[in-house]
Each structure stands twice: as C-alpha cells, then as structure tokens.
C-alpha cells in the first residue's frame, strides 16, 4: 500500500519540479541569484511533457489500485494530494509563458 503511494508522490513532485524548471530560474534571478547556471534547465525542459505524462499515469494507477484493493476511503486524502500536485504542475506548464512574462516585467 505504501509503495504505490510513495511512487505516486514521487511522480507528482517530479512533475512539479519539471514544470517549474523555466519559472524557477526567473524567480531566482529576481531574488538576486546569478544566472550562469540556467543552461542546465534546457535539458530538463525538453523532457517536461514526458515526465508530466508519466506522473499523471502513476497518479491514475495509484487511484485504480487503491480502488481495487478497497482502500480508497482510507487513502483518498493522500491520493487527492498527489492529484492536486500533478494538476498544479500541468497548470504551471500551460501558463509558463504568462508566468515568465510577468516575472520579466518585475525585473
């Protein structure tokens, strides 16, 4: 039971990390941190949709397994948390250009 929950959270947090890979450097630059390390995020951004898709599949599989085992009522809050994190990652990815434009205007 704990294995698929931890896999679900790992997938959700990795999706959120990948989704913020282009927004986070802009935020760091606004906070005064240097920008020479930003080149490493280009490789991560190329795989963002794949990681998000895999994460979404992991969350869906976790819901399905908990439903099949009859533990959905016991784990619904944990699974709702992973679903919310993954949904937030998708929102960040789809609004990345708007967020970056807003952060550029703040510079």
PDB file of N, CA and C in Angstrom:
ATOM      1  N   UNK A   1       0.830  -1.194   0.000  1.00  0.00           N
ATOM      2  CA  UNK A   1       0.000   0.000   0.000  1.00  0.00           C
ATOM      3  C   UNK A   1       0.866   1.246   0.000  1.00  0.00           C
ATOM      4  N   UNK A   2       1.888   1.264   0.814  1.00  0.00           N
ATOM      5  CA  UNK A   2       2.742   2.433   0.900  1.00  0.00           C
ATOM      6  C   UNK A   2       3.601   2.609  -0.342  1.00  0.00           C
ATOM      7  N   UNK A   3       3.870   1.513  -1.050  1.00  0.00           N
ATOM      8  CA  UNK A   3       4.744   1.608  -2.215  1.00  0.00           C
ATOM      9  C   UNK A   3       4.107   2.428  -3.320  1.00  0.00           C
ATOM     10  N   UNK A   4       2.859   2.163  -3.636  1.00  0.00           N
ATOM     11  CA  UNK A   4       2.262   2.928  -4.728  1.00  0.00           C
ATOM     12  C   UNK A   4       1.924   4.343  -4.306  1.00  0.00           C
ATOM     13  N   UNK A   5       1.720   4.577  -3.004  1.00  0.00           N
ATOM     14  CA  UNK A   5       1.534   5.960  -2.539  1.00  0.00           C
ATOM     15  C   UNK A   5       2.828   6.747  -2.655  1.00  0.00           C
ATOM     16  N   UNK A   6       3.943   6.134  -2.278  1.00  0.00           N
ATOM     17  CA  UNK A   6       5.221   6.839  -2.387  1.00  0.00           C
ATOM     18  C   UNK A   6       5.610   7.048  -3.841  1.00  0.00           C
ATOM     19  N   UNK A   7       5.302   6.095  -4.699  1.00  0.00           N
ATOM     20  CA  UNK A   7       5.575   6.264  -6.132  1.00  0.00           C
ATOM     21  C   UNK A   7       4.708   7.382  -6.694  1.00  0.00           C
ATOM     22  N   UNK A   8       3.477   7.453  -6.230  1.00  0.00           N
ATOM     23  CA  UNK A   8       2.573   8.497  -6.687  1.00  0.00           C
ATOM     24  C   UNK A   8       3.084   9.880  -6.274  1.00  0.00           C
ATOM     25  N   UNK A   9       3.518  10.024  -5.017  1.00  0.00           N
ATOM     26  CA  UNK A   9       4.053  11.310  -4.564  1.00  0.00           C
ATOM     27  C   UNK A   9       5.365  11.643  -5.244  1.00  0.00           C
ATOM     28  N   UNK A  10       6.204  10.657  -5.461  1.00  0.00           N
ATOM     29  CA  UNK A  10       7.460  10.894  -6.168  1.00  0.00           C
ATOM     30  C   UNK A  10       7.190  11.387  -7.587  1.00  0.00           C
ATOM     31  N   UNK A  11       6.230  10.770  -8.245  1.00  0.00           N
ATOM     32  CA  UNK A  11       5.868  11.208  -9.595  1.00  0.00           C
ATOM     33  C   UNK A  11       5.288  12.616  -9.598  1.00  0.00           C
ATOM     34  N   UNK A  12       4.460  12.925  -8.624  1.00  0.00           N
ATOM     35  CA  UNK A  12       3.844  14.249  -8.559  1.00  0.00           C
ATOM     36  C   UNK A  12       4.876  15.328  -8.281  1.00  0.00           C
ATOM     37  N   UNK A  13       5.770  15.074  -7.348  1.00  0.00           N
ATOM     38  CA  UNK A  13       6.791  16.072  -7.030  1.00  0.00           C
ATOM     39  C   UNK A  13       7.791  16.244  -8.171  1.00  0.00           C
ATOM     40  N   UNK A  14       8.113  15.167  -8.872  1.00  0.00           N
ATOM     41  CA  UNK A  14       8.994  15.315 -10.031  1.00  0.00           C
ATOM     42  C   UNK A  14       8.299  16.074 -11.146  1.00  0.00           C
ATOM     43  N   UNK A  15       6.997  15.875 -11.299  1.00  0.00           N
ATOM     44  CA  UNK A  15       6.254  16.633 -12.303  1.00  0.00           C
ATOM     45  C   UNK A  15       6.234  18.114 -11.960  1.00  0.00           C
ATOM     46  N   UNK A  16       6.046  18.423 -10.691  1.00  0.00           N
ATOM     47  CA  UNK A  16       6.055  19.827 -10.280  1.00  0.00           C
ATOM     48  C   UNK A  16       7.436  20.436 -10.462  1.00  0.00           C
ATOM     49  N   UNK A  17       8.468  19.671 -10.169  1.00  0.00           N
ATOM     50  CA  UNK A  17       9.831  20.161 -10.370  1.00  0.00           C
ATOM     51  C   UNK A  17      10.148  20.432 -11.832  1.00  0.00           C
ATOM     52  N   UNK A  18       9.716  19.536 -12.691  1.00  0.00           N
ATOM     53  CA  UNK A  18       9.948  19.717 -14.122  1.00  0.00           C
ATOM     54  C   UNK A  18       9.107  20.880 -14.653  1.00  0.00           C
ATOM     55  N   UNK A  19       7.906  21.025 -14.140  1.00  0.00           N
ATOM     56  CA  UNK A  19       7.037  22.099 -14.611  1.00  0.00           C
ATOM     57  C   UNK A  19       7.584  23.467 -14.250  1.00  0.00           C
ATOM     58  N   UNK A  20       8.254  23.568 -13.113  1.00  0.00           N
ATOM     59  CA  UNK A  20       8.780  24.858 -12.694  1.00  0.00           C
ATOM     60  C   UNK A  20      10.208  25.095 -13.158  1.00  0.00           C
ATOM     61  N   UNK A  21      10.702  24.258 -14.038  1.00  0.00           N
ATOM     62  CA  UNK A  21      12.103  24.382 -14.438  1.00  0.00           C
ATOM     63  C   UNK A  21      12.388  25.665 -15.205  1.00  0.00           C
ATOM     64  N   UNK A  22      11.405  26.264 -15.804  1.00  0.00           N
ATOM     65  CA  UNK A  22      11.642  27.512 -16.524  1.00  0.00           C
ATOM     66  C   UNK A  22      11.175  28.732 -15.733  1.00  0.00           C
ATOM     67  N   UNK A  23      10.277  28.528 -14.804  1.00  0.00           N
ATOM     68  CA  UNK A  23       9.791  29.630 -13.987  1.00  0.00           C
ATOM     69  C   UNK A  23      10.719  29.862 -12.796  1.00  0.00           C
ATOM     70  N   UNK A  24      11.219  28.794 -12.217  1.00  0.00           N
ATOM     71  CA  UNK A  24      12.075  28.885 -11.048  1.00  0.00           C
ATOM     72  C   UNK A  24      13.355  29.688 -11.293  1.00  0.00           C
ATOM     73  N   UNK A  25      14.061  29.516 -12.416  1.00  0.00           N
ATOM     74  CA  UNK A  25      15.259  30.332 -12.640  1.00  0.00           C
ATOM     75  C   UNK A  25      14.965  31.828 -12.717  1.00  0.00           C
ATOM     76  N   UNK A  26      13.831  32.186 -13.311  1.00  0.00           N
ATOM     77  CA  UNK A  26      13.471  33.608 -13.378  1.00  0.00           C
ATOM     78  C   UNK A  26      13.220  34.153 -11.975  1.00  0.00           C
ATOM     79  N   UNK A  27      12.583  33.363 -11.159  1.00  0.00           N
ATOM     80  CA  UNK A  27      12.323  33.775  -9.780  1.00  0.00           C
ATOM     81  C   UNK A  27      13.636  33.922  -9.014  1.00  0.00           C
ATOM     82  N   UNK A  28      14.549  33.002  -9.226  1.00  0.00           N
ATOM     83  CA  UNK A  28      15.847  33.078  -8.556  1.00  0.00           C
ATOM     84  C   UNK A  28      16.627  34.324  -8.986  1.00  0.00           C
ATOM     85  N   UNK A  29      16.525  34.665 -10.266  1.00  0.00           N
ATOM     86  CA  UNK A  29      17.206  35.865 -10.734  1.00  0.00           C
ATOM     87  C   UNK A  29      16.588  37.112 -10.114  1.00  0.00           C
ATOM     88  N   UNK A  30      15.270  37.107  -9.926  1.00  0.00           N
ATOM     89  CA  UNK A  30      14.625  38.236  -9.260  1.00  0.00           C
ATOM     90  C   UNK A  30      15.095  38.378  -7.816  1.00  0.00           C
ATOM     91  N   UNK A  31      15.433  37.265  -7.202  1.00  0.00           N
ATOM     92  CA  UNK A  31      15.908  37.288  -5.823  1.00  0.00           C
ATOM     93  C   UNK A  31      17.384  37.653  -5.726  1.00  0.00           C
ATOM     94  N   UNK A  32      18.041  37.842  -6.863  1.00  0.00           N
ATOM     95  CA  UNK A  32      19.424  38.281  -6.870  1.00  0.00           C
ATOM     96  C   UNK A  32      20.450  37.180  -7.073  1.00  0.00           C
ATOM     97  N   UNK A  33      20.025  35.984  -7.339  1.00  0.00           N
ATOM     98  CA  UNK A  33      20.972  34.908  -7.600  1.00  0.00           C
ATOM     99  C   UNK A  33      21.437  34.982  -9.047  1.00  0.00           C
ATOM    100  N   UNK A  34      22.636  34.552  -9.302  1.00  0.00           N
ATOM    101  CA  UNK A  34      23.204  34.631 -10.643  1.00  0.00           C
ATOM    102  C   UNK A  34      22.487  33.747 -11.646  1.00  0.00           C
ATOM    103  N   UNK A  35      22.712  34.033 -12.904  1.00  0.00           N
ATOM    104  CA  UNK A  35      22.015  33.298 -13.944  1.00  0.00           C
ATOM    105  C   UNK A  35      22.898  32.412 -14.789  1.00  0.00           C
ATOM    106  N   UNK A  36      24.165  32.226 -14.413  1.00  0.00           N
ATOM    107  CA  UNK A  36      25.062  31.416 -15.237  1.00  0.00           C
ATOM    108  C   UNK A  36      24.714  29.933 -15.200  1.00  0.00           C
ATOM    109  N   UNK A  37      24.012  29.489 -14.207  1.00  0.00           N
ATOM    110  CA  UNK A  37      23.656  28.087 -14.058  1.00  0.00           C
ATOM    111  C   UNK A  37      22.364  27.725 -14.777  1.00  0.00           C
ATOM    112  N   UNK A  38      21.750  28.682 -15.462  1.00  0.00           N
ATOM    113  CA  UNK A  38      20.455  28.458 -16.099  1.00  0.00           C
ATOM    114  C   UNK A  38      20.513  27.508 -17.295  1.00  0.00           C
ATOM    115  N   UNK A  39      21.693  27.283 -17.840  1.00  0.00           N
ATOM    116  CA  UNK A  39      21.809  26.428 -19.025  1.00  0.00           C
ATOM    117  C   UNK A  39      21.408  24.984 -18.739  1.00  0.00           C
ATOM    118  N   UNK A  40      21.496  24.555 -17.505  1.00  0.00           N
ATOM    119  CA  UNK A  40      21.157  23.157 -17.199  1.00  0.00           C
ATOM    120  C   UNK A  40      19.659  22.902 -17.301  1.00  0.00           C
ATOM    121  N   UNK A  41      18.835  23.938 -17.238  1.00  0.00           N
ATOM    122  CA  UNK A  41      17.397  23.740 -17.278  1.00  0.00           C
ATOM    123  C   UNK A  41      16.867  23.488 -18.685  1.00  0.00           C
ATOM    124  N   UNK A  42      17.653  23.754 -19.711  1.00  0.00           N
ATOM    125  CA  UNK A  42      17.217  23.494 -21.079  1.00  0.00           C
ATOM    126  C   UNK A  42      16.977  22.022 -21.343  1.00  0.00           C
ATOM    127  N   UNK A  43      17.848  21.176 -20.816  1.00  0.00           N
ATOM    128  CA  UNK A  43      17.700  19.732 -20.994  1.00  0.00           C
ATOM    129  C   UNK A  43      16.486  19.205 -20.236  1.00  0.00           C
ATOM    130  N   UNK A  44      16.245  19.768 -19.083  1.00  0.00           N
ATOM    131  CA  UNK A  44      15.093  19.336 -18.286  1.00  0.00           C
ATOM    132  C   UNK A  44      13.792  19.759 -18.962  1.00  0.00           C
ATOM    133  N   UNK A  45      13.772  20.944 -19.532  1.00  0.00           N
ATOM    134  CA  UNK A  45      12.553  21.458 -20.170  1.00  0.00           C
ATOM    135  C   UNK A  45      12.161  20.619 -21.381  1.00  0.00           C
ATOM    136  N   UNK A  46      13.132  20.002 -22.031  1.00  0.00           N
ATOM    137  CA  UNK A  46      12.826  19.187 -23.203  1.00  0.00           C
ATOM    138  C   UNK A  46      12.026  17.939 -22.826  1.00  0.00           C
ATOM    139  N   UNK A  47      12.199  17.451 -21.622  1.00  0.00           N
ATOM    140  CA  UNK A  47      11.518  16.228 -21.197  1.00  0.00           C
ATOM    141  C   UNK A  47      10.296  16.503 -20.328  1.00  0.00           C
ATOM    142  N   UNK A  48       9.894  17.736 -20.207  1.00  0.00           N
ATOM    143  CA  UNK A  48       8.842  18.072 -19.241  1.00  0.00           C
ATOM    144  C   UNK A  48       7.507  17.407 -19.556  1.00  0.00           C
ATOM    145  N   UNK A  49       7.110  17.364 -20.806  1.00  0.00           N
ATOM    146  CA  UNK A  49       5.822  16.746 -21.137  1.00  0.00           C
ATOM    147  C   UNK A  49       5.834  15.240 -20.906  1.00  0.00           C
ATOM    148  N   UNK A  50       6.976  14.608 -21.145  1.00  0.00           N
ATOM    149  CA  UNK A  50       7.081  13.172 -20.898  1.00  0.00           C
ATOM    150  C   UNK A  50       6.978  12.866 -19.406  1.00  0.00           C
ATOM    151  N   UNK A  51       7.681  13.653 -18.600  1.00  0.00           N
ATOM    152  CA  UNK A  51       7.632  13.447 -17.152  1.00  0.00           C
ATOM    153  C   UNK A  51       6.230  13.719 -16.624  1.00  0.00           C
ATOM    154  N   UNK A  52       5.584  14.753 -17.133  1.00  0.00           N
ATOM    155  CA  UNK A  52       4.222  15.057 -16.696  1.00  0.00           C
ATOM    156  C   UNK A  52       3.246  13.948 -17.090  1.00  0.00           C
ATOM    157  N   UNK A  53       3.411  13.400 -18.269  1.00  0.00           N
ATOM    158  CA  UNK A  53       2.531  12.313 -18.701  1.00  0.00           C
ATOM    159  C   UNK A  53       2.741  11.058 -17.855  1.00  0.00           C
ATOM    160  N   UNK A  54       3.987  10.735 -17.569  1.00  0.00           N
ATOM    161  CA  UNK A  54       4.276   9.573 -16.729  1.00  0.00           C
ATOM    162  C   UNK A  54       3.743   9.794 -15.320  1.00  0.00           C
ATOM    163  N   UNK A  55       3.912  10.988 -14.802  1.00  0.00           N
ATOM    164  CA  UNK A  55       3.406  11.301 -13.473  1.00  0.00           C
ATOM    165  C   UNK A  55       1.890  11.191 -13.402  1.00  0.00           C
ATOM    166  N   UNK A  56       1.219  11.678 -14.419  1.00  0.00           N
ATOM    167  CA  UNK A  56      -0.238  11.580 -14.460  1.00  0.00           C
ATOM    168  C   UNK A  56      -0.675  10.119 -14.513  1.00  0.00           C
ATOM    169  N   UNK A  57       0.048   9.314 -15.271  1.00  0.00           N
ATOM    170  CA  UNK A  57      -0.266   7.879 -15.337  1.00  0.00           C
ATOM    171  C   UNK A  57      -0.039   7.204 -13.987  1.00  0.00           C
ATOM    172  N   UNK A  58       1.028   7.577 -13.290  1.00  0.00           N
ATOM    173  CA  UNK A  58       1.287   6.996 -11.974  1.00  0.00           C
ATOM    174  C   UNK A  58       0.200   7.353 -10.969  1.00  0.00           C
ATOM    175  N   UNK A  59      -0.268   8.587 -11.013  1.00  0.00           N
ATOM    176  CA  UNK A  59      -1.340   9.001 -10.106  1.00  0.00           C
ATOM    177  C   UNK A  59      -2.628   8.244 -10.431  1.00  0.00           C
ATOM    178  N   UNK A  60      -2.930   8.109 -11.707  1.00  0.00           N
ATOM    179  CA  UNK A  60      -4.138   7.373 -12.103  1.00  0.00           C
ATOM    180  C   UNK A  60      -4.051   5.905 -11.693  1.00  0.00           C
ATOM    181  N   UNK A  61      -2.889   5.299 -11.842  1.00  0.00           N
ATOM    182  CA  UNK A  61      -2.701   3.906 -11.443  1.00  0.00           C
ATOM    183  C   UNK A  61      -2.839   3.770  -9.932  1.00  0.00           C
ATOM    184  N   UNK A  62      -2.347   4.745  -9.183  1.00  0.00           N
ATOM    185  CA  UNK A  62      -2.484   4.701  -7.725  1.00  0.00           C
ATOM    186  C   UNK A  62      -3.946   4.761  -7.307  1.00  0.00           C
ATOM    187  N   UNK A  63      -4.721   5.618  -7.974  1.00  0.00           N
ATOM    188  CA  UNK A  63      -6.165   5.664  -7.696  1.00  0.00           C
ATOM    189  C   UNK A  63      -6.806   4.316  -8.015  1.00  0.00           C
ATOM    190  N   UNK A  64      -6.444   3.735  -9.140  1.00  0.00           N
ATOM    191  CA  UNK A  64      -7.030   2.463  -9.562  1.00  0.00           C
ATOM    192  C   UNK A  64      -6.673   1.326  -8.603  1.00  0.00           C
ATOM    193  N   UNK A  65      -5.428   1.251  -8.195  1.00  0.00           N
ATOM    194  CA  UNK A  65      -5.001   0.193  -7.274  1.00  0.00           C
ATOM    195  C   UNK A  65      -5.699   0.335  -5.929  1.00  0.00           C
ATOM    196  N   UNK A  66      -5.789   1.558  -5.429  1.00  0.00           N
ATOM    197  CA  UNK A  66      -6.463   1.733  -4.135  1.00  0.00           C
ATOM    198  C   UNK A  66      -7.955   1.429  -4.243  1.00  0.00           C
ATOM    199  N   UNK A  67      -8.550   1.690  -5.385  1.00  0.00           N
ATOM    200  CA  UNK A  67      -9.964   1.336  -5.587  1.00  0.00           C
ATOM    201  C   UNK A  67     -10.145  -0.172  -5.625  1.00  0.00           C
ATOM    202  N   UNK A  68      -9.249  -0.854  -6.344  1.00  0.00           N
ATOM    203  CA  UNK A  68      -9.352  -2.308  -6.467  1.00  0.00           C
ATOM    204  C   UNK A  68      -9.115  -3.019  -5.134  1.00  0.00           C
ATOM    205  N   UNK A  69      -8.247  -2.466  -4.308  1.00  0.00           N
ATOM    206  CA  UNK A  69      -7.959  -3.081  -3.013  1.00  0.00           C
ATOM    207  C   UNK A  69      -8.974  -2.684  -1.938  1.00  0.00           C
ATOM    208  N   UNK A  70      -9.864  -1.772  -2.249  1.00  0.00           N
ATOM    209  CA  UNK A  70     -10.878  -1.360  -1.292  1.00  0.00           C
ATOM    210  C   UNK A  70     -10.396  -0.379  -0.246  1.00  0.00           C
ATOM    211  N   UNK A  71      -9.266   0.267  -0.499  1.00  0.00           N
ATOM    212  CA  UNK A  71      -8.713   1.208   0.472  1.00  0.00           C
ATOM    213  C   UNK A  71      -8.853   2.652   0.016  1.00  0.00           C
ATOM    214  N   UNK A  72      -9.777   2.891  -0.879  1.00  0.00           N
ATOM    215  CA  UNK A  72      -9.947   4.239  -1.417  1.00  0.00           C
ATOM    216  C   UNK A  72     -10.415   5.224  -0.354  1.00  0.00           C
ATOM    217  N   UNK A  73     -11.324   4.812   0.504  1.00  0.00           N
ATOM    218  CA  UNK A  73     -11.816   5.729   1.537  1.00  0.00           C
ATOM    219  C   UNK A  73     -10.728   6.080   2.534  1.00  0.00           C
ATOM    220  N   UNK A  74      -9.833   5.155   2.793  1.00  0.00           N
ATOM    221  CA  UNK A  74      -8.749   5.388   3.742  1.00  0.00           C
ATOM    222  C   UNK A  74      -7.652   6.276   3.152  1.00  0.00           C
ATOM    223  N   UNK A  75      -7.424   6.179   1.848  1.00  0.00           N
ATOM    224  CA  UNK A  75      -6.311   6.876   1.203  1.00  0.00           C
ATOM    225  C   UNK A  75      -6.736   8.042   0.319  1.00  0.00           C
ATOM    226  N   UNK A  76      -7.993   8.415   0.352  1.00  0.00           N
ATOM    227  CA  UNK A  76      -8.456   9.427  -0.598  1.00  0.00           C
ATOM    228  C   UNK A  76      -7.777  10.775  -0.402  1.00  0.00           C
ATOM    229  N   UNK A  77      -7.413  11.128   0.834  1.00  0.00           N
ATOM    230  CA  UNK A  77      -6.760  12.424   1.048  1.00  0.00           C
ATOM    231  C   UNK A  77      -5.335  12.413   0.541  1.00  0.00           C
ATOM    232  N   UNK A  78      -4.624  11.312   0.734  1.00  0.00           N
ATOM    233  CA  UNK A  78      -3.270  11.200   0.197  1.00  0.00           C
ATOM    234  C   UNK A  78      -3.286  11.243  -1.329  1.00  0.00           C
ATOM    235  N   UNK A  79      -4.218  10.509  -1.904  1.00  0.00           N
ATOM    236  CA  UNK A  79      -4.308  10.485  -3.364  1.00  0.00           C
ATOM    237  C   UNK A  79      -4.801  11.817  -3.918  1.00  0.00           C
ATOM    238  N   UNK A  80      -5.658  12.493  -3.179  1.00  0.00           N
ATOM    239  CA  UNK A  80      -6.092  13.828  -3.607  1.00  0.00           C
ATOM    240  C   UNK A  80      -4.931  14.805  -3.596  1.00  0.00           C
ATOM    241  N   UNK A  81      -4.021  14.644  -2.635  1.00  0.00           N
ATOM    242  CA  UNK A  81      -2.826  15.491  -2.596  1.00  0.00           C
ATOM    243  C   UNK A  81      -1.941  15.291  -3.806  1.00  0.00           C
ATOM    244  N   UNK A  82      -1.722  14.030  -4.193  1.00  0.00           N
ATOM    245  CA  UNK A  82      -0.891  13.786  -5.374  1.00  0.00           C
ATOM    246  C   UNK A  82      -1.576  14.291  -6.640  1.00  0.00           C
ATOM    247  N   UNK A  83      -2.888  14.159  -6.676  1.00  0.00           N
ATOM    248  CA  UNK A  83      -3.625  14.664  -7.837  1.00  0.00           C
ATOM    249  C   UNK A  83      -3.531  16.178  -7.919  1.00  0.00           C
ATOM    250  N   UNK A  84      -3.622  16.849  -6.785  1.00  0.00           N
ATOM    251  CA  UNK A  84      -3.532  18.316  -6.763  1.00  0.00           C
ATOM    252  C   UNK A  84      -2.144  18.793  -7.178  1.00  0.00           C
ATOM    253  N   UNK A  85      -1.105  18.105  -6.717  1.00  0.00           N
ATOM    254  CA  UNK A  85       0.258  18.494  -7.095  1.00  0.00           C
ATOM    255  C   UNK A  85       0.478  18.305  -8.590  1.00  0.00           C
ATOM    256  N   UNK A  86      -0.002  17.195  -9.127  1.00  0.00           N
ATOM    257  CA  UNK A  86       0.143  16.944 -10.560  1.00  0.00           C
ATOM    258  C   UNK A  86      -0.674  17.939 -11.376  1.00  0.00           C
ATOM    259  N   UNK A  87      -1.866  18.273 -10.915  1.00  0.00           N
ATOM    260  CA  UNK A  87      -2.681  19.265 -11.616  1.00  0.00           C
ATOM    261  C   UNK A  87      -1.998  20.638 -11.589  1.00  0.00           C
ATOM    262  N   UNK A  88      -1.387  20.983 -10.459  1.00  0.00           N
ATOM    263  CA  UNK A  88      -0.652  22.243 -10.372  1.00  0.00           C
ATOM    264  C   UNK A  88       0.514  22.262 -11.356  1.00  0.00           C
ATOM    265  N   UNK A  89       1.182  21.122 -11.510  1.00  0.00           N
ATOM    266  CA  UNK A  89       2.278  21.036 -12.477  1.00  0.00           C
ATOM    267  C   UNK A  89       1.778  21.280 -13.896  1.00  0.00           C
ATOM    268  N   UNK A  90       0.623  20.698 -14.248  1.00  0.00           N
ATOM    269  CA  UNK A  90       0.066  20.930 -15.584  1.00  0.00           C
ATOM    270  C   UNK A  90      -0.321  22.397 -15.769  1.00  0.00           C
ATOM    271  N   UNK A  91      -0.870  23.019 -14.744  1.00  0.00           N
ATOM    272  CA  UNK A  91      -1.255  24.440 -14.836  1.00  0.00           C
ATOM    273  C   UNK A  91      -0.020  25.309 -15.048  1.00  0.00           C
ATOM    274  N   UNK A  92       1.054  25.006 -14.333  1.00  0.00           N
ATOM    275  CA  UNK A  92       2.288  25.783 -14.487  1.00  0.00           C
ATOM    276  C   UNK A  92       2.852  25.617 -15.891  1.00  0.00           C
ATOM    277  N   UNK A  93       2.840  24.395 -16.410  1.00  0.00           N
ATOM    278  CA  UNK A  93       3.383  24.166 -17.754  1.00  0.00           C
ATOM    279  C   UNK A  93       2.569  24.907 -18.810  1.00  0.00           C
ATOM    280  N   UNK A  94       1.249  24.854 -18.701  1.00  0.00           N
ATOM    281  CA  UNK A  94       0.425  25.515 -19.709  1.00  0.00           C
ATOM    282  C   UNK A  94       0.425  27.034 -19.592  1.00  0.00           C
ATOM    283  N   UNK A  95       0.768  27.575 -18.438  1.00  0.00           N
ATOM    284  CA  UNK A  95       0.815  29.026 -18.250  1.00  0.00           C
ATOM    285  C   UNK A  95       2.240  29.532 -18.093  1.00  0.00           C
ATOM    286  N   UNK A  96       3.192  28.751 -18.533  1.00  0.00           N
ATOM    287  CA  UNK A  96       4.601  29.100 -18.365  1.00  0.00           C
ATOM    288  C   UNK A  96       4.963  30.419 -19.041  1.00  0.00           C
ATOM    289  N   UNK A  97       4.464  30.643 -20.231  1.00  0.00           N
ATOM    290  CA  UNK A  97       4.791  31.876 -20.947  1.00  0.00           C
ATOM    291  C   UNK A  97       4.243  33.096 -20.203  1.00  0.00           C
ATOM    292  N   UNK A  98       3.027  32.991 -19.712  1.00  0.00           N
ATOM    293  CA  UNK A  98       2.443  34.108 -18.955  1.00  0.00           C
ATOM    294  C   UNK A  98       3.202  34.374 -17.664  1.00  0.00           C
ATOM    295  N   UNK A  99       3.585  33.315 -16.981  1.00  0.00           N
ATOM    296  CA  UNK A  99       4.329  33.482 -15.730  1.00  0.00           C
ATOM    297  C   UNK A  99       5.686  34.109 -16.004  1.00  0.00           C
ATOM    298  N   UNK A 100       6.371  33.639 -17.046  1.00  0.00           N
ATOM    299  CA  UNK A 100       7.666  34.219 -17.398  1.00  0.00           C
ATOM    300  C   UNK A 100       7.543  35.678 -17.807  1.00  0.00           C
ATOM    301  N   UNK A 101       6.503  36.014 -18.572  1.00  0.00           N
ATOM    302  CA  UNK A 101       6.296  37.412 -18.946  1.00  0.00           C
ATOM    303  C   UNK A 101       6.067  38.283 -17.722  1.00  0.00           C
ATOM    304  N   UNK A 102       5.298  37.782 -16.779  1.00  0.00           N
ATOM    305  CA  UNK A 102       5.053  38.532 -15.554  1.00  0.00           C
ATOM    306  C   UNK A 102       6.343  38.731 -14.765  1.00  0.00           C
ATOM    307  N   UNK A 103       7.148  37.689 -14.670  1.00  0.00           N
ATOM    308  CA  UNK A 103       8.398  37.798 -13.934  1.00  0.00           C
ATOM    309  C   UNK A 103       9.393  38.726 -14.635  1.00  0.00           C
ATOM    310  N   UNK A 104       9.403  38.730 -15.945  1.00  0.00           N
ATOM    311  CA  UNK A 104      10.274  39.652 -16.696  1.00  0.00           C
ATOM    312  C   UNK A 104       9.844  41.092 -16.454  1.00  0.00           C
ATOM    313  N   UNK A 105       8.539  41.324 -16.375  1.00  0.00           N
ATOM    314  CA  UNK A 105       8.064  42.674 -16.104  1.00  0.00           C
ATOM    315  C   UNK A 105       8.455  43.145 -14.708  1.00  0.00           C
ATOM    316  N   UNK A 106       8.686  42.219 -13.791  1.00  0.00           N
ATOM    317  CA  UNK A 106       9.062  42.589 -12.436  1.00  0.00           C
ATOM    318  C   UNK A 106      10.540  42.943 -12.315  1.00  0.00           C
ATOM    319  N   UNK A 107      11.329  42.618 -13.328  1.00  0.00           N
ATOM    320  CA  UNK A 107      12.779  42.907 -13.286  1.00  0.00           C
ATOM    321  C   UNK A 107      13.041  44.371 -13.512  1.00  0.00           C
TER     322      UNK A 107
END
